[in-house]
Amino acid sequence: MSGWASAGALASNVEITAATVQRGDVIQLGGKAGRVSDLFQLPRGVKRLLFESGELLTIHARTRLAAVRVVRRW
């Protein structure tokens, strides 16, 4: 998915790691998409992601995931 989203925002597919994940990224795991609402830094480059649904996901420094990132253009 890449193209214009509503309200002048651009949505694009990105590969994320523990170092590059951001709040608002939409990650699909097991056929279910979730938006990252908060991040917690853990030792050794590990991050714990909190999704809007309340679910948690811990990713290792080498984990690579596909996500959709929406960038607002003003």
C-alpha atoms as a PDB file:
ATOM      1  CA  MET A   1       0.000   0.000   0.000  1.00  0.00           C
ATOM      2  CA  SER A   2       1.492   3.269  -1.042  1.00  0.00           C
ATOM      3  CA  GLY A   3      -0.330   6.403  -1.988  1.00  0.00           C
ATOM      4  CA  TRP A   4      -2.372   9.271  -0.634  1.00  0.00           C
ATOM      5  CA  ALA A   5      -4.459   8.741   2.463  1.00  0.00           C
ATOM      6  CA  SER A   6      -7.256  11.021   3.585  1.00  0.00           C
ATOM      7  CA  ALA A   7      -6.647  14.608   4.748  1.00  0.00           C
ATOM      8  CA  GLY A   8      -3.407  15.106   2.830  1.00  0.00           C
ATOM      9  CA  ALA A   9      -1.488  12.250   4.426  1.00  0.00           C
ATOM     10  CA  LEU A  10       0.830   9.876   2.568  1.00  0.00           C
ATOM     11  CA  ALA A  11       0.758   6.182   3.541  1.00  0.00           C
ATOM     12  CA  SER A  12       3.733   4.000   2.676  1.00  0.00           C
ATOM     13  CA  ASN A  13       5.047   0.543   3.453  1.00  0.00           C
ATOM     14  CA  VAL A  14       8.194   0.542   5.563  1.00  0.00           C
ATOM     15  CA  GLU A  15      10.398  -2.076   7.178  1.00  0.00           C
ATOM     16  CA  ILE A  16      10.751  -1.381  10.870  1.00  0.00           C
ATOM     17  CA  THR A  17      13.160  -2.538  13.522  1.00  0.00           C
ATOM     18  CA  ALA A  18      13.394  -1.836  17.234  1.00  0.00           C
ATOM     19  CA  ALA A  19      15.503   1.216  16.334  1.00  0.00           C
ATOM     20  CA  THR A  20      13.086   2.667  13.762  1.00  0.00           C
ATOM     21  CA  VAL A  21       9.584   1.861  15.055  1.00  0.00           C
ATOM     22  CA  GLN A  22       7.424   4.922  15.800  1.00  0.00           C
ATOM     23  CA  ARG A  23       4.129   5.696  17.482  1.00  0.00           C
ATOM     24  CA  GLY A  24       1.368   5.473  14.891  1.00  0.00           C
ATOM     25  CA  ASP A  25       2.975   2.688  12.831  1.00  0.00           C
ATOM     26  CA  VAL A  26       0.426   0.052  11.791  1.00  0.00           C
ATOM     27  CA  ILE A  27       1.855  -3.473  12.052  1.00  0.00           C
ATOM     28  CA  GLN A  28       0.077  -6.590  10.820  1.00  0.00           C
ATOM     29  CA  LEU A  29       0.721  -9.771  12.799  1.00  0.00           C
ATOM     30  CA  GLY A  30      -1.205 -12.980  12.262  1.00  0.00           C
ATOM     31  CA  GLY A  31      -3.664 -11.284   9.927  1.00  0.00           C
ATOM     32  CA  LYS A  32      -4.596  -8.635  12.506  1.00  0.00           C
ATOM     33  CA  ALA A  33      -3.433  -5.041  12.111  1.00  0.00           C
ATOM     34  CA  GLY A  34      -2.588  -2.928  15.143  1.00  0.00           C
ATOM     35  CA  ARG A  35      -1.495   0.686  15.583  1.00  0.00           C
ATOM     36  CA  VAL A  36       1.424   1.360  17.947  1.00  0.00           C
ATOM     37  CA  SER A  37       0.282   3.738  20.684  1.00  0.00           C
ATOM     38  CA  ASP A  38       3.365   3.696  22.942  1.00  0.00           C
ATOM     39  CA  LEU A  39       6.940   2.367  23.084  1.00  0.00           C
ATOM     40  CA  PHE A  40       9.114   1.273  25.995  1.00  0.00           C
ATOM     41  CA  GLN A  41      12.893   0.931  25.698  1.00  0.00           C
ATOM     42  CA  LEU A  42      14.326  -2.195  27.332  1.00  0.00           C
ATOM     43  CA  PRO A  43      17.977  -3.278  27.747  1.00  0.00           C
ATOM     44  CA  ARG A  44      20.086  -4.461  24.763  1.00  0.00           C
ATOM     45  CA  GLY A  45      18.122  -2.576  22.102  1.00  0.00           C
ATOM     46  CA  VAL A  46      14.848  -4.351  22.812  1.00  0.00           C
ATOM     47  CA  LYS A  47      11.541  -2.449  22.622  1.00  0.00           C
ATOM     48  CA  ARG A  48       8.102  -3.245  23.975  1.00  0.00           C
ATOM     49  CA  LEU A  49       5.281  -1.956  21.801  1.00  0.00           C
ATOM     50  CA  LEU A  50       1.850  -1.139  23.209  1.00  0.00           C
ATOM     51  CA  PHE A  51      -0.958  -1.263  20.659  1.00  0.00           C
ATOM     52  CA  GLU A  52      -4.186   0.746  20.801  1.00  0.00           C
ATOM     53  CA  SER A  53      -6.003  -2.541  21.508  1.00  0.00           C
ATOM     54  CA  GLY A  54      -3.989  -2.947  24.738  1.00  0.00           C
ATOM     55  CA  GLU A  55      -1.860  -5.803  23.409  1.00  0.00           C
ATOM     56  CA  LEU A  56       1.913  -5.839  23.936  1.00  0.00           C
ATOM     57  CA  LEU A  57       4.649  -6.986  21.564  1.00  0.00           C
ATOM     58  CA  THR A  58       8.317  -7.175  22.492  1.00  0.00           C
ATOM     59  CA  ILE A  59      10.753  -6.971  19.583  1.00  0.00           C
ATOM     60  CA  HIS A  60      14.444  -7.835  19.640  1.00  0.00           C
ATOM     61  CA  ALA A  61      17.066  -5.544  18.145  1.00  0.00           C
ATOM     62  CA  ARG A  62      17.289  -7.800  15.042  1.00  0.00           C
ATOM     63  CA  THR A  63      13.521  -8.176  14.500  1.00  0.00           C
ATOM     64  CA  ARG A  64      12.294  -6.862  11.148  1.00  0.00           C
ATOM     65  CA  LEU A  65       8.606  -6.241  10.511  1.00  0.00           C
ATOM     66  CA  ALA A  66       6.589  -4.700   7.690  1.00  0.00           C
ATOM     67  CA  ALA A  67       4.424  -1.746   8.666  1.00  0.00           C
ATOM     68  CA  VAL A  68       2.384   1.056   7.182  1.00  0.00           C
ATOM     69  CA  ARG A  69       3.461   4.544   8.179  1.00  0.00           C
ATOM     70  CA  VAL A  70       1.285   7.591   7.578  1.00  0.00           C
ATOM     71  CA  VAL A  71       3.141  10.853   7.048  1.00  0.00           C
ATOM     72  CA  ARG A  72       1.087  14.040   7.151  1.00  0.00           C
ATOM     73  CA  ARG A  73       1.936  16.626   4.533  1.00  0.00           C
ATOM     74  CA  TRP A  74       0.892  20.187   5.265  1.00  0.00           C
END
